């Protein structure tokens, strides 16, 4: 028995959490899981990540890596036809498309294909204006003087 959640009340009462709620909604739909090609995701440093995919039989020309906003897409398409008669075929050569949802400010740094393993390096680069900053606390001597007897006068309207 599958339980589905209705996220509509959260959409009505939250602002700026659209991506998170959409991800929760997509996860609750239970889309079929495709485990090919196999991959690993590793955190290599505080802000660095690495995706490693086993793409045996694919060359660099047959692989495409695309990043659109917060979505990373890796696809593979074999070029040409293989007319061989196989007695056993254990190395899959079928086309694939794998999608990875990226957090804000995560960018692809580089990719390489070595010995049938496609490695994609990612880095979270938070813009300087979004990083926490320390606010200097000034003493009375360094603060600008504000007139203590300053009065706010309203315009007098004659009736």
N, C-alpha and C. Protein backbone atom coordinates (compact mmCIF):
# COMPACT_ATOMS: atom_id res chain seq x y z
N UNK A 1 0.84 -1.17 0.00
CA UNK A 1 0.00 0.00 0.00
C UNK A 1 0.89 1.24 0.00
N UNK A 2 0.61 2.15 -0.89
CA UNK A 2 1.42 3.35 -1.04
C UNK A 2 0.66 4.55 -0.48
N UNK A 3 1.31 5.31 0.34
CA UNK A 3 0.71 6.52 0.90
C UNK A 3 1.25 7.72 0.15
N UNK A 4 0.36 8.58 -0.32
CA UNK A 4 0.80 9.81 -0.98
C UNK A 4 0.47 10.99 -0.08
N UNK A 5 1.31 11.97 -0.15
CA UNK A 5 1.13 13.16 0.67
C UNK A 5 0.65 14.30 -0.20
N UNK A 6 -0.21 15.14 0.35
CA UNK A 6 -0.68 16.32 -0.36
C UNK A 6 0.10 17.52 0.17
N UNK A 7 0.95 18.09 -0.69
CA UNK A 7 1.79 19.21 -0.28
C UNK A 7 1.13 20.57 -0.57
N UNK A 8 -0.12 20.57 -0.99
CA UNK A 8 -0.81 21.81 -1.33
C UNK A 8 -0.81 22.82 -0.18
N UNK A 9 -1.10 22.41 1.06
CA UNK A 9 -1.07 23.41 2.15
C UNK A 9 0.30 24.05 2.33
N UNK A 10 1.35 23.29 2.09
CA UNK A 10 2.69 23.86 2.21
C UNK A 10 2.97 24.86 1.09
N UNK A 11 2.47 24.60 -0.12
CA UNK A 11 2.65 25.55 -1.22
C UNK A 11 1.94 26.86 -0.91
N UNK A 12 0.79 26.78 -0.23
CA UNK A 12 0.02 27.99 0.07
C UNK A 12 0.66 28.83 1.16
N UNK A 13 1.41 28.21 2.06
CA UNK A 13 1.90 28.96 3.22
C UNK A 13 3.41 29.14 3.26
N UNK A 14 4.12 28.76 2.22
CA UNK A 14 5.57 28.93 2.23
C UNK A 14 6.01 29.71 1.01
N UNK A 15 7.05 30.45 1.19
CA UNK A 15 7.59 31.28 0.11
C UNK A 15 9.06 30.94 -0.06
N UNK A 16 9.46 30.63 -1.28
CA UNK A 16 10.85 30.37 -1.57
C UNK A 16 11.27 28.92 -1.39
N UNK A 17 10.35 28.04 -1.05
CA UNK A 17 10.68 26.63 -0.86
C UNK A 17 10.16 25.78 -2.01
N UNK A 18 9.88 26.40 -3.15
CA UNK A 18 9.27 25.69 -4.27
C UNK A 18 10.08 24.49 -4.71
N UNK A 19 11.40 24.66 -4.85
CA UNK A 19 12.24 23.56 -5.32
C UNK A 19 12.21 22.38 -4.35
N UNK A 20 12.27 22.67 -3.05
CA UNK A 20 12.26 21.59 -2.07
C UNK A 20 10.92 20.85 -2.10
N UNK A 21 9.83 21.60 -2.16
CA UNK A 21 8.51 20.96 -2.19
C UNK A 21 8.30 20.18 -3.47
N UNK A 22 8.78 20.70 -4.59
CA UNK A 22 8.68 19.95 -5.85
C UNK A 22 9.49 18.66 -5.79
N UNK A 23 10.66 18.71 -5.16
CA UNK A 23 11.48 17.51 -5.01
C UNK A 23 10.79 16.48 -4.13
N UNK A 24 10.17 16.92 -3.04
CA UNK A 24 9.43 16.00 -2.17
C UNK A 24 8.25 15.38 -2.91
N UNK A 25 7.56 16.19 -3.68
CA UNK A 25 6.41 15.70 -4.44
C UNK A 25 6.85 14.69 -5.49
N UNK A 26 7.95 14.96 -6.18
CA UNK A 26 8.46 14.02 -7.19
C UNK A 26 8.91 12.72 -6.54
N UNK A 27 9.54 12.81 -5.37
CA UNK A 27 9.99 11.61 -4.67
C UNK A 27 8.81 10.76 -4.20
N UNK A 28 7.72 11.40 -3.83
CA UNK A 28 6.56 10.65 -3.35
C UNK A 28 5.79 9.98 -4.49
N UNK A 29 6.00 10.44 -5.72
CA UNK A 29 5.31 9.82 -6.87
C UNK A 29 5.79 8.41 -7.13
N UNK A 30 7.01 8.10 -6.72
CA UNK A 30 7.52 6.75 -6.89
C UNK A 30 7.79 6.40 -8.34
N UNK A 31 8.53 7.25 -9.01
CA UNK A 31 8.88 6.97 -10.40
C UNK A 31 9.75 5.73 -10.46
N UNK A 32 9.67 4.98 -11.55
CA UNK A 32 10.47 3.76 -11.64
C UNK A 32 11.97 4.06 -11.54
N UNK A 33 12.68 3.17 -10.86
CA UNK A 33 14.11 3.37 -10.65
C UNK A 33 14.88 2.66 -11.74
N UNK A 34 15.72 3.41 -12.43
CA UNK A 34 16.59 2.84 -13.45
C UNK A 34 18.01 2.87 -12.88
N UNK A 35 18.57 1.71 -12.69
CA UNK A 35 19.88 1.62 -12.06
C UNK A 35 21.02 1.54 -13.06
N UNK A 36 20.77 1.87 -14.30
CA UNK A 36 21.85 1.78 -15.29
C UNK A 36 22.09 3.13 -15.92
N UNK A 37 23.28 3.58 -16.06
CA UNK A 37 24.52 2.98 -15.61
C UNK A 37 24.72 3.20 -14.11
N UNK A 38 25.44 2.29 -13.47
CA UNK A 38 25.68 2.47 -12.03
C UNK A 38 26.56 3.69 -11.77
N UNK A 39 26.36 4.31 -10.62
CA UNK A 39 27.11 5.52 -10.29
C UNK A 39 27.33 5.63 -8.79
N UNK A 40 28.31 6.42 -8.42
CA UNK A 40 28.61 6.76 -7.03
C UNK A 40 28.57 8.28 -6.90
N UNK A 41 28.16 8.76 -5.74
CA UNK A 41 28.24 10.18 -5.42
C UNK A 41 29.05 10.28 -4.13
N UNK A 42 30.14 11.04 -4.17
CA UNK A 42 31.01 11.17 -3.00
C UNK A 42 31.21 12.65 -2.67
N UNK A 43 31.30 12.93 -1.37
CA UNK A 43 31.64 14.27 -0.90
C UNK A 43 33.13 14.26 -0.63
N UNK A 44 33.90 14.99 -1.44
CA UNK A 44 35.36 14.93 -1.34
C UNK A 44 35.94 16.01 -0.44
N UNK A 45 35.17 17.05 -0.18
CA UNK A 45 35.60 18.15 0.70
C UNK A 45 34.33 18.83 1.20
N UNK A 46 34.48 19.89 1.97
CA UNK A 46 33.30 20.56 2.53
C UNK A 46 32.35 21.05 1.44
N UNK A 47 32.88 21.58 0.35
CA UNK A 47 32.05 22.10 -0.74
C UNK A 47 32.30 21.40 -2.06
N UNK A 48 32.97 20.25 -2.06
CA UNK A 48 33.30 19.54 -3.29
C UNK A 48 32.64 18.17 -3.31
N UNK A 49 32.15 17.81 -4.50
CA UNK A 49 31.48 16.53 -4.70
C UNK A 49 32.01 15.88 -5.97
N UNK A 50 31.83 14.56 -6.07
CA UNK A 50 32.27 13.84 -7.26
C UNK A 50 31.23 12.77 -7.60
N UNK A 51 30.82 12.76 -8.86
CA UNK A 51 29.95 11.71 -9.38
C UNK A 51 30.81 10.83 -10.26
N UNK A 52 30.78 9.52 -10.04
CA UNK A 52 31.53 8.59 -10.86
C UNK A 52 30.54 7.60 -11.47
N UNK A 53 30.51 7.52 -12.79
CA UNK A 53 29.58 6.64 -13.50
C UNK A 53 30.37 5.59 -14.28
N UNK A 54 29.91 4.34 -14.22
CA UNK A 54 30.51 3.26 -14.98
C UNK A 54 29.86 3.23 -16.37
N UNK A 55 30.58 3.70 -17.37
CA UNK A 55 30.05 3.79 -18.73
C UNK A 55 30.92 2.97 -19.69
N UNK A 56 31.15 1.72 -19.33
CA UNK A 56 32.00 0.85 -20.15
C UNK A 56 31.45 0.76 -21.57
N UNK A 57 32.34 0.87 -22.54
CA UNK A 57 31.95 0.75 -23.94
C UNK A 57 31.59 2.08 -24.60
N UNK A 58 31.49 3.17 -23.83
CA UNK A 58 31.17 4.48 -24.40
C UNK A 58 32.45 5.29 -24.53
N UNK A 59 32.57 6.02 -25.63
CA UNK A 59 33.70 6.92 -25.83
C UNK A 59 33.28 8.34 -25.46
N UNK A 60 34.23 9.25 -25.44
CA UNK A 60 33.93 10.65 -25.12
C UNK A 60 32.93 11.24 -26.09
N UNK A 61 33.01 10.87 -27.36
CA UNK A 61 32.11 11.41 -28.37
C UNK A 61 30.67 10.93 -28.19
N UNK A 62 30.48 9.84 -27.48
CA UNK A 62 29.14 9.27 -27.30
C UNK A 62 28.48 9.70 -26.00
N UNK A 63 29.17 10.51 -25.20
CA UNK A 63 28.65 10.99 -23.93
C UNK A 63 28.42 12.50 -23.98
N UNK A 64 27.35 12.94 -23.34
CA UNK A 64 27.02 14.36 -23.27
C UNK A 64 26.70 14.72 -21.83
N UNK A 65 27.30 15.81 -21.35
CA UNK A 65 27.04 16.32 -20.01
C UNK A 65 26.50 17.74 -20.16
N UNK A 66 25.32 17.99 -19.59
CA UNK A 66 24.67 19.29 -19.71
C UNK A 66 24.20 19.75 -18.34
N UNK A 67 24.46 21.02 -18.01
CA UNK A 67 23.94 21.59 -16.77
C UNK A 67 23.02 22.74 -17.13
N UNK A 68 21.77 22.64 -16.71
CA UNK A 68 20.79 23.71 -16.89
C UNK A 68 20.29 24.09 -15.51
N UNK A 69 20.61 25.28 -15.08
CA UNK A 69 20.28 25.78 -13.75
C UNK A 69 20.65 24.75 -12.71
N UNK A 70 19.69 24.10 -12.06
CA UNK A 70 19.99 23.17 -10.97
C UNK A 70 19.83 21.72 -11.38
N UNK A 71 19.92 21.43 -12.67
CA UNK A 71 19.77 20.07 -13.16
C UNK A 71 21.01 19.69 -13.96
N UNK A 72 21.62 18.56 -13.61
CA UNK A 72 22.75 18.02 -14.35
C UNK A 72 22.26 16.79 -15.09
N UNK A 73 22.47 16.76 -16.41
CA UNK A 73 22.03 15.63 -17.22
C UNK A 73 23.24 14.98 -17.89
N UNK A 74 23.36 13.69 -17.72
CA UNK A 74 24.41 12.92 -18.36
C UNK A 74 23.71 11.91 -19.26
N UNK A 75 24.06 11.93 -20.55
CA UNK A 75 23.43 11.00 -21.48
C UNK A 75 24.49 10.34 -22.34
N UNK A 76 24.15 9.15 -22.79
CA UNK A 76 25.04 8.38 -23.65
C UNK A 76 24.25 7.78 -24.80
N UNK A 77 24.81 7.86 -25.98
CA UNK A 77 24.15 7.33 -27.19
C UNK A 77 25.23 6.70 -28.04
N UNK A 78 25.12 5.39 -28.28
CA UNK A 78 26.09 4.68 -29.12
C UNK A 78 25.95 5.14 -30.56
N UNK A 79 27.09 5.36 -31.20
CA UNK A 79 27.10 5.78 -32.60
C UNK A 79 27.29 4.53 -33.46
N UNK A 80 26.49 4.40 -34.49
CA UNK A 80 26.61 3.25 -35.39
C UNK A 80 25.91 2.03 -34.84
N UNK A 81 25.75 1.05 -35.70
CA UNK A 81 25.08 -0.18 -35.32
C UNK A 81 26.09 -1.28 -35.10
N UNK A 82 25.78 -2.14 -34.14
CA UNK A 82 26.62 -3.30 -33.86
C UNK A 82 25.88 -4.52 -34.39
N UNK A 83 26.34 -5.05 -35.50
CA UNK A 83 25.66 -6.17 -36.15
C UNK A 83 26.24 -7.52 -35.74
N UNK A 84 27.01 -7.56 -34.68
CA UNK A 84 27.62 -8.80 -34.23
C UNK A 84 26.56 -9.75 -33.67
N UNK A 85 26.82 -11.02 -33.80
CA UNK A 85 25.94 -12.05 -33.24
C UNK A 85 26.55 -12.47 -31.90
N UNK A 86 25.90 -12.10 -30.81
CA UNK A 86 26.41 -12.37 -29.47
C UNK A 86 25.89 -13.69 -28.94
N UNK A 87 26.76 -14.46 -28.33
CA UNK A 87 26.34 -15.64 -27.59
C UNK A 87 25.93 -15.24 -26.18
N UNK A 88 26.60 -14.22 -25.65
CA UNK A 88 26.25 -13.63 -24.36
C UNK A 88 26.61 -12.15 -24.41
N UNK A 89 25.70 -11.31 -23.97
CA UNK A 89 25.97 -9.87 -23.96
C UNK A 89 25.80 -9.34 -22.54
N UNK A 90 26.91 -9.11 -21.88
CA UNK A 90 26.89 -8.63 -20.50
C UNK A 90 27.23 -7.16 -20.37
N UNK A 91 27.83 -6.59 -21.41
CA UNK A 91 28.16 -5.16 -21.39
C UNK A 91 27.05 -4.42 -22.11
N UNK A 92 26.26 -3.69 -21.33
CA UNK A 92 25.12 -2.98 -21.92
C UNK A 92 25.62 -1.80 -22.74
N UNK A 93 25.07 -1.64 -23.90
CA UNK A 93 25.45 -0.52 -24.76
C UNK A 93 24.25 0.33 -25.12
N UNK A 94 23.19 0.21 -24.34
CA UNK A 94 21.97 0.95 -24.66
C UNK A 94 22.11 2.43 -24.28
N UNK A 95 21.31 3.23 -24.93
CA UNK A 95 21.32 4.67 -24.65
C UNK A 95 20.78 4.90 -23.24
N UNK A 96 21.25 5.97 -22.61
CA UNK A 96 20.78 6.30 -21.27
C UNK A 96 20.75 7.79 -21.08
N UNK A 97 19.99 8.20 -20.09
CA UNK A 97 19.98 9.59 -19.64
C UNK A 97 19.78 9.58 -18.14
N UNK A 98 20.73 10.12 -17.42
CA UNK A 98 20.69 10.16 -15.96
C UNK A 98 20.62 11.63 -15.54
N UNK A 99 19.70 11.94 -14.63
CA UNK A 99 19.53 13.31 -14.15
C UNK A 99 19.89 13.40 -12.68
N UNK A 100 20.57 14.49 -12.34
CA UNK A 100 20.94 14.77 -10.96
C UNK A 100 20.45 16.16 -10.61
N UNK A 101 19.68 16.28 -9.55
CA UNK A 101 19.20 17.58 -9.08
C UNK A 101 20.30 18.20 -8.23
N UNK A 102 20.73 19.40 -8.58
CA UNK A 102 21.81 20.07 -7.86
C UNK A 102 21.25 21.15 -6.95
N UNK A 103 21.90 21.36 -5.84
CA UNK A 103 21.52 22.44 -4.93
C UNK A 103 21.93 23.77 -5.55
N UNK A 104 21.41 24.85 -4.99
CA UNK A 104 21.78 26.18 -5.46
C UNK A 104 23.28 26.38 -5.35
N UNK A 105 23.85 27.04 -6.33
CA UNK A 105 25.26 27.44 -6.39
C UNK A 105 26.23 26.27 -6.56
N UNK A 106 25.74 25.09 -6.98
CA UNK A 106 26.63 23.97 -7.28
C UNK A 106 26.90 23.98 -8.78
N UNK A 107 28.18 24.00 -9.12
CA UNK A 107 28.61 24.08 -10.52
C UNK A 107 29.50 22.91 -10.87
N UNK A 108 29.48 22.52 -12.15
CA UNK A 108 30.38 21.48 -12.64
C UNK A 108 31.74 22.11 -12.85
N UNK A 109 32.77 21.53 -12.23
CA UNK A 109 34.13 22.04 -12.34
C UNK A 109 34.85 21.36 -13.49
N UNK A 110 34.60 20.07 -13.70
CA UNK A 110 35.27 19.35 -14.76
C UNK A 110 34.75 17.94 -14.88
N UNK A 111 35.10 17.29 -15.97
CA UNK A 111 34.71 15.90 -16.21
C UNK A 111 35.82 15.19 -16.98
N UNK A 112 35.97 13.91 -16.71
CA UNK A 112 36.98 13.13 -17.44
C UNK A 112 36.50 11.69 -17.56
N UNK A 113 36.97 11.02 -18.60
CA UNK A 113 36.63 9.62 -18.86
C UNK A 113 37.93 8.82 -18.88
N UNK A 114 38.09 7.93 -17.89
CA UNK A 114 39.30 7.12 -17.77
C UNK A 114 38.89 5.69 -17.46
N UNK A 115 39.36 4.76 -18.27
CA UNK A 115 39.12 3.33 -18.05
C UNK A 115 37.64 2.98 -17.86
N UNK A 116 36.77 3.60 -18.64
CA UNK A 116 35.34 3.30 -18.57
C UNK A 116 34.60 3.96 -17.44
N UNK A 117 35.27 4.83 -16.67
CA UNK A 117 34.62 5.56 -15.58
C UNK A 117 34.56 7.04 -15.93
N UNK A 118 33.36 7.57 -15.96
CA UNK A 118 33.16 8.99 -16.18
C UNK A 118 33.10 9.66 -14.82
N UNK A 119 34.01 10.60 -14.58
CA UNK A 119 34.08 11.30 -13.30
C UNK A 119 33.71 12.76 -13.53
N UNK A 120 32.74 13.24 -12.76
CA UNK A 120 32.28 14.63 -12.86
C UNK A 120 32.53 15.28 -11.51
N UNK A 121 33.33 16.35 -11.50
CA UNK A 121 33.64 17.06 -10.26
C UNK A 121 32.72 18.26 -10.14
N UNK A 122 32.16 18.45 -8.94
CA UNK A 122 31.22 19.54 -8.66
C UNK A 122 31.74 20.34 -7.48
N UNK A 123 31.39 21.63 -7.47
CA UNK A 123 31.79 22.50 -6.37
C UNK A 123 30.66 23.45 -6.05
N UNK A 124 30.40 23.61 -4.76
CA UNK A 124 29.42 24.60 -4.31
C UNK A 124 30.17 25.91 -4.11
N UNK A 125 29.81 26.93 -4.87
CA UNK A 125 30.45 28.24 -4.77
C UNK A 125 29.40 29.27 -4.38
N UNK A 126 29.38 29.58 -3.10
CA UNK A 126 28.41 30.55 -2.60
C UNK A 126 28.92 31.95 -2.91
N UNK A 127 28.09 32.80 -3.55
CA UNK A 127 28.53 34.16 -3.86
C UNK A 127 28.93 34.92 -2.60
N UNK A 128 29.89 35.80 -2.75
CA UNK A 128 30.44 36.55 -1.62
C UNK A 128 29.35 37.29 -0.84
N UNK A 129 28.36 37.87 -1.55
CA UNK A 129 27.33 38.63 -0.86
C UNK A 129 26.39 37.75 -0.04
N UNK A 130 26.41 36.44 -0.25
CA UNK A 130 25.54 35.53 0.50
C UNK A 130 26.27 34.86 1.66
N UNK A 131 27.58 35.02 1.72
CA UNK A 131 28.35 34.41 2.80
C UNK A 131 28.15 35.22 4.08
N UNK A 132 28.23 34.56 5.23
CA UNK A 132 28.12 35.31 6.48
C UNK A 132 29.28 36.29 6.61
N UNK A 133 29.02 37.44 7.16
CA UNK A 133 30.09 38.42 7.35
C UNK A 133 30.03 38.93 8.78
N UNK A 134 31.16 39.28 9.28
CA UNK A 134 31.26 39.77 10.65
C UNK A 134 31.01 41.28 10.64
N UNK A 135 30.17 41.73 11.54
CA UNK A 135 29.83 43.14 11.68
C UNK A 135 30.67 43.72 12.82
N UNK A 136 31.41 44.76 12.51
CA UNK A 136 32.26 45.42 13.50
C UNK A 136 31.38 46.19 14.48
N UNK A 137 31.65 46.05 15.77
CA UNK A 137 30.91 46.79 16.80
C UNK A 137 31.71 48.03 17.13
N UNK A 138 31.10 49.17 16.91
CA UNK A 138 31.79 50.44 17.14
C UNK A 138 31.61 50.90 18.59
N UNK A 139 32.58 51.66 19.08
CA UNK A 139 32.47 52.25 20.42
C UNK A 139 31.82 53.62 20.29
N UNK A 140 31.50 54.23 21.42
CA UNK A 140 30.87 55.56 21.41
C UNK A 140 31.73 56.59 20.70
N UNK A 141 33.03 56.45 20.79
CA UNK A 141 33.94 57.43 20.21
C UNK A 141 33.92 57.40 18.68
N UNK A 142 33.66 56.25 18.12
CA UNK A 142 33.71 56.15 16.66
C UNK A 142 32.34 56.29 16.00
N UNK A 143 31.29 56.33 16.79
CA UNK A 143 29.94 56.45 16.23
C UNK A 143 29.69 57.90 15.83
N UNK A 144 29.01 58.13 14.72
CA UNK A 144 28.66 59.50 14.34
C UNK A 144 27.68 60.10 15.34
N UNK A 145 27.84 61.39 15.60
CA UNK A 145 26.99 62.07 16.58
C UNK A 145 25.63 62.35 15.96
N UNK A 146 24.60 62.07 16.75
CA UNK A 146 23.23 62.35 16.34
C UNK A 146 22.70 63.37 17.33
N UNK A 147 22.09 64.41 16.82
CA UNK A 147 21.59 65.47 17.70
C UNK A 147 20.54 64.90 18.63
N UNK A 148 20.76 65.10 19.94
CA UNK A 148 19.86 64.55 20.94
C UNK A 148 18.56 65.33 21.02
N UNK A 149 18.61 66.60 20.70
CA UNK A 149 17.44 67.46 20.81
C UNK A 149 16.71 67.60 19.49
N UNK A 150 16.93 66.72 18.59
CA UNK A 150 16.31 66.81 17.27
C UNK A 150 14.80 66.60 17.39
N UNK A 151 14.05 67.48 16.80
CA UNK A 151 12.59 67.40 16.87
C UNK A 151 12.05 67.20 15.46
N UNK A 152 11.03 66.43 15.40
CA UNK A 152 10.35 66.22 14.12
C UNK A 152 9.14 67.11 14.11
N UNK A 153 9.10 67.95 13.13
CA UNK A 153 7.98 68.89 13.05
C UNK A 153 7.08 68.48 11.91
N UNK A 154 5.84 68.49 12.18
CA UNK A 154 4.85 68.18 11.15
C UNK A 154 4.36 69.49 10.55
N UNK A 155 4.01 69.42 9.32
CA UNK A 155 3.47 70.63 8.68
C UNK A 155 2.13 70.95 9.31
N UNK A 156 1.94 72.22 9.60
CA UNK A 156 0.66 72.62 10.20
C UNK A 156 -0.30 72.96 9.09
N UNK A 157 -1.43 72.34 9.15
CA UNK A 157 -2.45 72.63 8.15
C UNK A 157 -3.49 73.57 8.76
N UNK A 158 -3.78 74.60 8.01
CA UNK A 158 -4.76 75.57 8.48
C UNK A 158 -6.13 75.10 8.06
N UNK A 159 -7.06 75.04 9.00
CA UNK A 159 -8.38 74.55 8.70
C UNK A 159 -9.28 75.63 8.20
